[in-house]
Amino acid sequence: MRRIPLKHAKAWTPNGHLSPCLSWQAETIFAYMKRALSFAIVLAVTSSFQLLAAEDPKPNTLTEAEKQAGWQLLFNGKDLDGWHNFKRDGVRPGWQVKDGALACVDPHNAGDLVTTGKYDWFELQLDYNISEGGNSGIMYHVTDEGPGVWATGPEFQLEDNAKAGDPIRCGWLYALYQPPNDPKTGKPLDATKPAGQWNHVRLVISPWKCEHEINGVKYFEYVLGSDDFNSRVAKSKFAAMPLFAKSNTGYLALQGDHGQVSFRNLKLKPLSR
């Protein structure tokens, strides 16, 4: 029986179906397109994962771009180099490196931790994870003159907003500044995640403006030494502390006596005047 060339075959059979020749050709094309689509999807997914991996560096490391921009790593995820307890050598056993984090595991034997270096104007970024009901803080421009880190350094408050007993909430400049009310809740803005989850802090300290952010949400700004700042200090408990917020340089401090808290990705970029 002589084979009819495909180009001469009728497209449809009398009962309305594709002719066997065209049906076979359509199935072949469909199978090819299906395989090509599958390959394209796999390629796209693989590329996406590679891109994410490239953009998401390992914890406690600096990318090449960060190094070129002048960022410094304050904690390497391996040991406590660059840190010591306030007014003493070494680090008390309540502070440990745990799962790549700088962790206050025993608040009863930790105390406040300070950097070896001193900093004047800077941008600080870090992640923190606080325990249920926990309370901590980040203080800056801390000097050795006061009896405690709180006597000289303003504090970026850290706490579990849901269960901590202190009415000064996370992200506030302790006893001085707080964010505006959130129209949705009628309460001060709160961008924190629940206790046990990692939160991101951005703190900018400069001569012309200071900013507090949590998880990418800006809370407020202020100017150190301004009339407004000094007026608030005068009305607070810090009025009785003559050295409070008087220095333009000092240690960074992490509070370690009010609950368990962990830190990672502590990065600082000095700012020019």
C-alpha atoms as a PDB file:
ATOM      1  CA  MET A   1       0.000   0.000   0.000  1.00  0.00           C
ATOM      2  CA  ARG A   2       1.485   3.313  -1.050  1.00  0.00           C
ATOM      3  CA  ARG A   3       2.085   5.810   1.891  1.00  0.00           C
ATOM      4  CA  ILE A   4       0.386   9.123   1.303  1.00  0.00           C
ATOM      5  CA  PRO A   5       2.789  12.030   1.883  1.00  0.00           C
ATOM      6  CA  LEU A   6       1.815  14.048   4.913  1.00  0.00           C
ATOM      7  CA  LYS A   7       1.401  17.219   2.891  1.00  0.00           C
ATOM      8  CA  HIS A   8      -1.250  15.500   0.756  1.00  0.00           C
ATOM      9  CA  ALA A   9      -3.104  13.847   3.637  1.00  0.00           C
ATOM     10  CA  LYS A  10      -6.524  15.189   4.551  1.00  0.00           C
ATOM     11  CA  ALA A  11      -6.542  17.028   7.814  1.00  0.00           C
ATOM     12  CA  TRP A  12      -9.781  15.490   9.104  1.00  0.00           C
ATOM     13  CA  THR A  13     -11.426  12.076   8.853  1.00  0.00           C
ATOM     14  CA  PRO A  14     -15.151  11.828   8.025  1.00  0.00           C
ATOM     15  CA  ASN A  15     -16.041  11.376  11.710  1.00  0.00           C
ATOM     16  CA  GLY A  16     -14.404  14.697  12.610  1.00  0.00           C
ATOM     17  CA  HIS A  17     -11.101  13.435  14.115  1.00  0.00           C
ATOM     18  CA  LEU A  18      -7.603  14.398  13.063  1.00  0.00           C
ATOM     19  CA  SER A  19      -6.113  12.072  10.514  1.00  0.00           C
ATOM     20  CA  PRO A  20      -3.615   9.564  11.984  1.00  0.00           C
ATOM     21  CA  CYS A  21      -0.705  11.401  10.346  1.00  0.00           C
ATOM     22  CA  LEU A  22      -1.568  14.796  11.794  1.00  0.00           C
ATOM     23  CA  SER A  23      -2.553  13.242  15.146  1.00  0.00           C
ATOM     24  CA  TRP A  24       0.883  11.630  15.419  1.00  0.00           C
ATOM     25  CA  GLN A  25       2.591  14.879  14.447  1.00  0.00           C
ATOM     26  CA  ALA A  26       0.579  16.897  17.023  1.00  0.00           C
ATOM     27  CA  GLU A  27       1.442  14.426  19.787  1.00  0.00           C
ATOM     28  CA  THR A  28       5.134  14.640  18.872  1.00  0.00           C
ATOM     29  CA  ILE A  29       5.104  18.450  18.952  1.00  0.00           C
ATOM     30  CA  PHE A  30       3.188  18.488  22.249  1.00  0.00           C
ATOM     31  CA  ALA A  31       5.633  16.086  23.874  1.00  0.00           C
ATOM     32  CA  TYR A  32       8.565  18.203  22.699  1.00  0.00           C
ATOM     33  CA  MET A  33       6.989  21.406  24.016  1.00  0.00           C
ATOM     34  CA  LYS A  34       6.215  19.725  27.362  1.00  0.00           C
ATOM     35  CA  ARG A  35       9.831  18.639  27.770  1.00  0.00           C
ATOM     36  CA  ALA A  36      11.096  22.104  26.806  1.00  0.00           C
ATOM     37  CA  LEU A  37       8.730  23.778  29.294  1.00  0.00           C
ATOM     38  CA  SER A  38       9.818  21.440  32.089  1.00  0.00           C
ATOM     39  CA  PHE A  39      13.459  22.190  31.362  1.00  0.00           C
ATOM     40  CA  ALA A  40      12.777  25.937  31.392  1.00  0.00           C
ATOM     41  CA  ILE A  41      11.003  25.706  34.760  1.00  0.00           C
ATOM     42  CA  VAL A  42      13.836  23.708  36.299  1.00  0.00           C
ATOM     43  CA  LEU A  43      16.366  26.201  34.935  1.00  0.00           C
ATOM     44  CA  ALA A  44      14.418  29.171  36.295  1.00  0.00           C
ATOM     45  CA  VAL A  45      14.016  27.624  39.761  1.00  0.00           C
ATOM     46  CA  THR A  46      17.686  26.689  39.907  1.00  0.00           C
ATOM     47  CA  SER A  47      18.720  30.194  38.895  1.00  0.00           C
ATOM     48  CA  SER A  48      16.430  31.692  41.532  1.00  0.00           C
ATOM     49  CA  PHE A  49      17.952  29.549  44.272  1.00  0.00           C
ATOM     50  CA  GLN A  50      21.441  30.489  43.119  1.00  0.00           C
ATOM     51  CA  LEU A  51      20.485  34.170  43.158  1.00  0.00           C
ATOM     52  CA  LEU A  52      19.024  33.908  46.648  1.00  0.00           C
ATOM     53  CA  ALA A  53      22.125  32.112  47.866  1.00  0.00           C
ATOM     54  CA  ALA A  54      24.295  34.847  46.411  1.00  0.00           C
ATOM     55  CA  GLU A  55      22.215  37.590  48.052  1.00  0.00           C
ATOM     56  CA  ASP A  56      21.878  35.829  51.431  1.00  0.00           C
ATOM     57  CA  PRO A  57      25.388  35.530  52.872  1.00  0.00           C
ATOM     58  CA  LYS A  58      26.254  33.360  55.832  1.00  0.00           C
ATOM     59  CA  PRO A  59      25.438  34.852  59.243  1.00  0.00           C
ATOM     60  CA  ASN A  60      28.122  36.967  60.900  1.00  0.00           C
ATOM     61  CA  THR A  61      29.983  37.689  57.677  1.00  0.00           C
ATOM     62  CA  LEU A  62      30.453  40.716  55.444  1.00  0.00           C
ATOM     63  CA  THR A  63      29.801  40.698  51.719  1.00  0.00           C
ATOM     64  CA  GLU A  64      32.361  42.227  49.397  1.00  0.00           C
ATOM     65  CA  ALA A  65      30.012  45.160  48.854  1.00  0.00           C
ATOM     66  CA  GLU A  66      29.743  45.730  52.613  1.00  0.00           C
ATOM     67  CA  LYS A  67      33.519  45.600  53.005  1.00  0.00           C
ATOM     68  CA  GLN A  68      33.965  48.167  50.248  1.00  0.00           C
ATOM     69  CA  ALA A  69      31.329  50.391  51.878  1.00  0.00           C
ATOM     70  CA  GLY A  70      33.281  50.391  55.143  1.00  0.00           C
ATOM     71  CA  TRP A  71      31.187  48.060  57.287  1.00  0.00           C
ATOM     72  CA  GLN A  72      32.842  46.358  60.260  1.00  0.00           C
ATOM     73  CA  LEU A  73      31.875  43.035  61.813  1.00  0.00           C
ATOM     74  CA  LEU A  74      31.534  43.300  65.604  1.00  0.00           C
ATOM     75  CA  PHE A  75      30.949  39.569  66.220  1.00  0.00           C
ATOM     76  CA  ASN A  76      32.401  36.709  64.187  1.00  0.00           C
ATOM     77  CA  GLY A  77      29.990  33.990  65.341  1.00  0.00           C
ATOM     78  CA  LYS A  78      32.811  31.902  66.801  1.00  0.00           C
ATOM     79  CA  ASP A  79      34.166  33.588  69.924  1.00  0.00           C
ATOM     80  CA  LEU A  80      33.859  36.677  72.135  1.00  0.00           C
ATOM     81  CA  ASP A  81      36.836  38.571  70.720  1.00  0.00           C
ATOM     82  CA  GLY A  82      36.167  42.294  70.772  1.00  0.00           C
ATOM     83  CA  TRP A  83      33.876  42.171  73.822  1.00  0.00           C
ATOM     84  CA  HIS A  84      34.265  42.332  77.605  1.00  0.00           C
ATOM     85  CA  ASN A  85      32.111  43.053  80.609  1.00  0.00           C
ATOM     86  CA  PHE A  86      31.758  46.651  81.672  1.00  0.00           C
ATOM     87  CA  LYS A  87      34.712  47.759  83.827  1.00  0.00           C
ATOM     88  CA  ARG A  88      36.303  44.334  83.963  1.00  0.00           C
ATOM     89  CA  ASP A  89      38.516  42.088  81.872  1.00  0.00           C
ATOM     90  CA  GLY A  90      37.051  39.076  80.121  1.00  0.00           C
ATOM     91  CA  VAL A  91      33.455  37.933  79.810  1.00  0.00           C
ATOM     92  CA  ARG A  92      31.342  36.391  82.552  1.00  0.00           C
ATOM     93  CA  PRO A  93      30.020  32.856  81.858  1.00  0.00           C
ATOM     94  CA  GLY A  94      26.445  34.062  81.411  1.00  0.00           C
ATOM     95  CA  TRP A  95      27.460  35.246  77.932  1.00  0.00           C
ATOM     96  CA  GLN A  96      28.273  32.476  75.452  1.00  0.00           C
ATOM     97  CA  VAL A  97      28.541  31.819  71.739  1.00  0.00           C
ATOM     98  CA  LYS A  98      25.589  29.545  71.021  1.00  0.00           C
ATOM     99  CA  ASP A  99      24.539  28.364  67.559  1.00  0.00           C
ATOM    100  CA  GLY A 100      26.499  31.188  65.959  1.00  0.00           C
ATOM    101  CA  ALA A 101      24.901  33.853  68.145  1.00  0.00           C
ATOM    102  CA  LEU A 102      26.195  36.075  70.935  1.00  0.00           C
ATOM    103  CA  ALA A 103      23.841  34.865  73.641  1.00  0.00           C
ATOM    104  CA  CYS A 104      23.017  35.873  77.188  1.00  0.00           C
ATOM    105  CA  VAL A 105      22.109  32.410  78.470  1.00  0.00           C
ATOM    106  CA  ASP A 106      22.206  33.198  82.206  1.00  0.00           C
ATOM    107  CA  PRO A 107      21.155  36.752  83.111  1.00  0.00           C
ATOM    108  CA  HIS A 108      22.139  36.132  86.740  1.00  0.00           C
ATOM    109  CA  ASN A 109      25.791  35.713  85.760  1.00  0.00           C
ATOM    110  CA  ALA A 110      26.144  37.852  82.640  1.00  0.00           C
ATOM    111  CA  GLY A 111      26.179  41.588  83.289  1.00  0.00           C
ATOM    112  CA  ASP A 112      26.439  44.221  80.624  1.00  0.00           C
ATOM    113  CA  LEU A 113      28.769  43.556  77.697  1.00  0.00           C
ATOM    114  CA  VAL A 114      30.698  46.320  75.920  1.00  0.00           C
ATOM    115  CA  THR A 115      32.823  46.531  72.797  1.00  0.00           C
ATOM    116  CA  THR A 116      36.569  46.860  72.936  1.00  0.00           C
ATOM    117  CA  GLY A 117      36.428  49.705  70.452  1.00  0.00           C
ATOM    118  CA  LYS A 118      34.845  53.100  70.921  1.00  0.00           C
ATOM    119  CA  TYR A 119      32.616  54.738  68.306  1.00  0.00           C
ATOM    120  CA  ASP A 120      31.355  58.243  67.734  1.00  0.00           C
ATOM    121  CA  TRP A 121      29.071  58.468  64.665  1.00  0.00           C
ATOM    122  CA  PHE A 122      27.890  55.283  63.016  1.00  0.00           C
ATOM    123  CA  GLU A 123      25.171  53.126  61.550  1.00  0.00           C
ATOM    124  CA  LEU A 124      24.580  49.884  63.447  1.00  0.00           C
ATOM    125  CA  GLN A 125      22.606  46.933  62.158  1.00  0.00           C
ATOM    126  CA  LEU A 126      21.988  43.665  63.995  1.00  0.00           C
ATOM    127  CA  ASP A 127      19.522  40.854  64.579  1.00  0.00           C
ATOM    128  CA  TYR A 128      18.207  39.993  68.033  1.00  0.00           C
ATOM    129  CA  ASN A 129      16.083  37.181  69.415  1.00  0.00           C
ATOM    130  CA  ILE A 130      14.626  37.720  72.865  1.00  0.00           C
ATOM    131  CA  SER A 131      13.057  35.263  75.290  1.00  0.00           C
ATOM    132  CA  GLU A 132       9.449  35.381  76.432  1.00  0.00           C
ATOM    133  CA  GLY A 133       9.094  38.300  78.832  1.00  0.00           C
ATOM    134  CA  GLY A 134      12.729  39.230  78.213  1.00  0.00           C
ATOM    135  CA  ASN A 135      14.220  42.694  78.454  1.00  0.00           C
ATOM    136  CA  SER A 136      17.549  43.977  77.127  1.00  0.00           C
ATOM    137  CA  GLY A 137      18.985  47.029  75.423  1.00  0.00           C
ATOM    138  CA  ILE A 138      21.621  48.519  73.159  1.00  0.00           C
ATOM    139  CA  MET A 139      23.480  51.496  74.588  1.00  0.00           C
ATOM    140  CA  TYR A 140      25.885  53.800  72.801  1.00  0.00           C
ATOM    141  CA  HIS A 141      28.501  56.408  73.744  1.00  0.00           C
ATOM    142  CA  VAL A 142      29.081  54.506  76.974  1.00  0.00           C
ATOM    143  CA  THR A 143      32.104  55.630  79.018  1.00  0.00           C
ATOM    144  CA  ASP A 144      33.893  54.201  82.057  1.00  0.00           C
ATOM    145  CA  GLU A 145      33.089  57.235  84.207  1.00  0.00           C
ATOM    146  CA  GLY A 146      29.632  56.134  85.314  1.00  0.00           C
ATOM    147  CA  PRO A 147      28.738  53.350  87.782  1.00  0.00           C
ATOM    148  CA  GLY A 148      26.869  51.506  85.034  1.00  0.00           C
ATOM    149  CA  VAL A 149      26.439  51.641  81.266  1.00  0.00           C
ATOM    150  CA  TRP A 150      23.066  53.336  81.792  1.00  0.00           C
ATOM    151  CA  ALA A 151      24.694  56.308  83.557  1.00  0.00           C
ATOM    152  CA  THR A 152      26.353  57.594  80.381  1.00  0.00           C
ATOM    153  CA  GLY A 153      24.846  55.820  77.361  1.00  0.00           C
ATOM    154  CA  PRO A 154      21.373  56.375  75.874  1.00  0.00           C
ATOM    155  CA  GLU A 155      19.517  53.087  75.412  1.00  0.00           C
ATOM    156  CA  PHE A 156      17.731  51.567  72.429  1.00  0.00           C
ATOM    157  CA  GLN A 157      15.263  49.433  74.370  1.00  0.00           C
ATOM    158  CA  LEU A 158      14.816  45.738  73.524  1.00  0.00           C
ATOM    159  CA  GLU A 159      12.078  43.615  75.029  1.00  0.00           C
ATOM    160  CA  ASP A 160       9.257  41.171  74.440  1.00  0.00           C
ATOM    161  CA  ASN A 161       6.457  43.677  74.013  1.00  0.00           C
ATOM    162  CA  ALA A 162       3.813  41.063  74.724  1.00  0.00           C
ATOM    163  CA  LYS A 163       4.937  39.946  78.181  1.00  0.00           C
ATOM    164  CA  ALA A 164       7.772  42.120  79.477  1.00  0.00           C
ATOM    165  CA  GLY A 165       6.911  44.139  82.555  1.00  0.00           C
ATOM    166  CA  ASP A 166       8.690  47.350  81.573  1.00  0.00           C
ATOM    167  CA  PRO A 167       6.245  49.848  79.989  1.00  0.00           C
ATOM    168  CA  ILE A 168       9.096  51.248  77.851  1.00  0.00           C
ATOM    169  CA  ARG A 169       8.656  49.253  74.655  1.00  0.00           C
ATOM    170  CA  CYS A 170      11.077  47.781  72.161  1.00  0.00           C
ATOM    171  CA  GLY A 171      12.751  50.285  69.868  1.00  0.00           C
ATOM    172  CA  TRP A 172      12.117  53.309  72.092  1.00  0.00           C
ATOM    173  CA  LEU A 173      14.936  55.553  73.293  1.00  0.00           C
ATOM    174  CA  TYR A 174      14.559  54.696  76.940  1.00  0.00           C
ATOM    175  CA  ALA A 175      12.413  57.229  78.829  1.00  0.00           C
ATOM    176  CA  LEU A 176      12.966  59.863  76.143  1.00  0.00           C
ATOM    177  CA  TYR A 177      11.412  59.082  72.745  1.00  0.00           C
ATOM    178  CA  GLN A 178       8.725  56.730  71.505  1.00  0.00           C
ATOM    179  CA  PRO A 179       7.083  56.201  68.094  1.00  0.00           C
ATOM    180  CA  PRO A 180       3.743  57.754  67.139  1.00  0.00           C
ATOM    181  CA  ASN A 181       0.517  55.843  67.552  1.00  0.00           C
ATOM    182  CA  ASP A 182      -0.432  53.330  64.897  1.00  0.00           C
ATOM    183  CA  PRO A 183      -3.820  54.372  63.426  1.00  0.00           C
ATOM    184  CA  LYS A 184      -4.791  50.704  63.161  1.00  0.00           C
ATOM    185  CA  THR A 185      -4.364  49.968  66.874  1.00  0.00           C
ATOM    186  CA  GLY A 186      -4.409  53.346  68.584  1.00  0.00           C
ATOM    187  CA  LYS A 187      -1.231  52.285  70.399  1.00  0.00           C
ATOM    188  CA  PRO A 188       2.430  53.198  69.791  1.00  0.00           C
ATOM    189  CA  LEU A 189       3.810  51.707  66.594  1.00  0.00           C
ATOM    190  CA  ASP A 190       5.090  48.162  67.107  1.00  0.00           C
ATOM    191  CA  ALA A 191       6.919  46.369  64.273  1.00  0.00           C
ATOM    192  CA  THR A 192       8.427  43.614  66.415  1.00  0.00           C
ATOM    193  CA  LYS A 193       7.995  39.903  65.848  1.00  0.00           C
ATOM    194  CA  PRO A 194       7.010  37.638  68.770  1.00  0.00           C
ATOM    195  CA  ALA A 195       9.512  36.381  71.327  1.00  0.00           C
ATOM    196  CA  GLY A 196      11.628  33.546  69.971  1.00  0.00           C
ATOM    197  CA  GLN A 197      11.863  35.038  66.470  1.00  0.00           C
ATOM    198  CA  TRP A 198      14.675  37.075  64.955  1.00  0.00           C
ATOM    199  CA  ASN A 199      14.135  40.820  64.615  1.00  0.00           C
ATOM    200  CA  HIS A 200      16.309  43.319  62.755  1.00  0.00           C
ATOM    201  CA  VAL A 201      17.515  46.602  64.235  1.00  0.00           C
ATOM    202  CA  ARG A 202      18.935  49.629  62.444  1.00  0.00           C
ATOM    203  CA  LEU A 203      20.328  52.396  64.616  1.00  0.00           C
ATOM    204  CA  VAL A 204      21.871  55.542  63.130  1.00  0.00           C
ATOM    205  CA  ILE A 205      23.802  57.901  65.401  1.00  0.00           C
ATOM    206  CA  SER A 206      25.106  61.055  63.738  1.00  0.00           C
ATOM    207  CA  PRO A 207      25.607  64.715  64.742  1.00  0.00           C
ATOM    208  CA  TRP A 208      22.687  65.857  62.608  1.00  0.00           C
ATOM    209  CA  LYS A 209      20.168  63.042  63.099  1.00  0.00           C
ATOM    210  CA  CYS A 210      19.643  59.774  64.983  1.00  0.00           C
ATOM    211  CA  GLU A 211      17.168  57.146  63.767  1.00  0.00           C
ATOM    212  CA  HIS A 212      15.602  54.031  65.283  1.00  0.00           C
ATOM    213  CA  GLU A 213      14.237  51.254  63.055  1.00  0.00           C
ATOM    214  CA  ILE A 214      12.924  47.761  63.692  1.00  0.00           C
ATOM    215  CA  ASN A 215      12.319  45.297  60.883  1.00  0.00           C
ATOM    216  CA  GLY A 216      12.579  48.058  58.303  1.00  0.00           C
ATOM    217  CA  VAL A 217      10.032  50.323  60.027  1.00  0.00           C
ATOM    218  CA  LYS A 218      11.281  53.742  61.122  1.00  0.00           C
ATOM    219  CA  TYR A 219      10.079  54.697  64.596  1.00  0.00           C
ATOM    220  CA  PHE A 220      11.380  58.243  65.050  1.00  0.00           C
ATOM    221  CA  GLU A 221      14.409  60.493  64.854  1.00  0.00           C
ATOM    222  CA  TYR A 222      16.076  62.955  67.212  1.00  0.00           C
ATOM    223  CA  VAL A 223      19.192  65.134  67.521  1.00  0.00           C
ATOM    224  CA  LEU A 224      21.586  64.581  70.399  1.00  0.00           C
ATOM    225  CA  GLY A 225      22.162  67.747  72.401  1.00  0.00           C
ATOM    226  CA  SER A 226      19.308  69.631  70.747  1.00  0.00           C
ATOM    227  CA  ASP A 227      16.921  71.758  72.803  1.00  0.00           C
ATOM    228  CA  ASP A 228      14.236  69.106  72.446  1.00  0.00           C
ATOM    229  CA  PHE A 229      16.587  66.315  73.508  1.00  0.00           C
ATOM    230  CA  ASN A 230      17.930  68.247  76.501  1.00  0.00           C
ATOM    231  CA  SER A 231      14.420  69.201  77.578  1.00  0.00           C
ATOM    232  CA  ARG A 232      13.346  65.567  77.607  1.00  0.00           C
ATOM    233  CA  VAL A 233      16.436  64.545  79.566  1.00  0.00           C
ATOM    234  CA  ALA A 234      15.733  67.254  82.136  1.00  0.00           C
ATOM    235  CA  LYS A 235      12.247  65.825  82.713  1.00  0.00           C
ATOM    236  CA  SER A 236      13.434  62.224  83.023  1.00  0.00           C
ATOM    237  CA  LYS A 237      15.284  60.156  85.610  1.00  0.00           C
ATOM    238  CA  PHE A 238      18.484  60.911  83.685  1.00  0.00           C
ATOM    239  CA  ALA A 239      18.402  64.500  84.997  1.00  0.00           C
ATOM    240  CA  ALA A 240      20.049  63.129  88.130  1.00  0.00           C
ATOM    241  CA  MET A 241      22.904  61.617  86.082  1.00  0.00           C
ATOM    242  CA  PRO A 242      25.328  64.420  85.186  1.00  0.00           C
ATOM    243  CA  LEU A 243      27.304  62.320  82.692  1.00  0.00           C
ATOM    244  CA  PHE A 244      24.315  61.003  80.751  1.00  0.00           C
ATOM    245  CA  ALA A 245      24.555  61.571  76.968  1.00  0.00           C
ATOM    246  CA  LYS A 246      27.422  64.012  77.437  1.00  0.00           C
ATOM    247  CA  SER A 247      30.081  62.115  75.477  1.00  0.00           C
ATOM    248  CA  ASN A 248      30.155  62.010  71.678  1.00  0.00           C
ATOM    249  CA  THR A 249      32.109  58.767  71.672  1.00  0.00           C
ATOM    250  CA  GLY A 250      32.169  55.553  73.658  1.00  0.00           C
ATOM    251  CA  TYR A 251      31.524  51.842  73.769  1.00  0.00           C
ATOM    252  CA  LEU A 252      28.515  50.014  72.441  1.00  0.00           C
ATOM    253  CA  ALA A 253      26.866  48.007  75.213  1.00  0.00           C
ATOM    254  CA  LEU A 254      24.488  45.042  75.278  1.00  0.00           C
ATOM    255  CA  GLN A 255      22.406  44.690  78.403  1.00  0.00           C
ATOM    256  CA  GLY A 256      22.533  41.223  79.935  1.00  0.00           C
ATOM    257  CA  ASP A 257      20.748  41.160  83.290  1.00  0.00           C
ATOM    258  CA  HIS A 258      17.032  41.186  82.424  1.00  0.00           C
ATOM    259  CA  GLY A 259      16.420  37.947  80.547  1.00  0.00           C
ATOM    260  CA  GLN A 260      17.826  35.719  77.855  1.00  0.00           C
ATOM    261  CA  VAL A 261      18.629  37.349  74.524  1.00  0.00           C
ATOM    262  CA  SER A 262      20.739  36.490  71.485  1.00  0.00           C
ATOM    263  CA  PHE A 263      22.447  38.656  68.879  1.00  0.00           C
ATOM    264  CA  ARG A 264      23.900  37.976  65.435  1.00  0.00           C
ATOM    265  CA  ASN A 265      25.011  39.892  62.336  1.00  0.00           C
ATOM    266  CA  LEU A 266      26.296  42.806  64.391  1.00  0.00           C
ATOM    267  CA  LYS A 267      27.614  45.226  61.779  1.00  0.00           C
ATOM    268  CA  LEU A 268      28.755  48.808  62.138  1.00  0.00           C
ATOM    269  CA  LYS A 269      29.656  51.442  59.562  1.00  0.00           C
ATOM    270  CA  PRO A 270      31.459  54.582  60.786  1.00  0.00           C
ATOM    271  CA  LEU A 271      29.944  57.834  59.543  1.00  0.00           C
ATOM    272  CA  SER A 272      31.870  60.974  58.732  1.00  0.00           C
ATOM    273  CA  ARG A 273      31.008  64.206  60.506  1.00  0.00           C
END
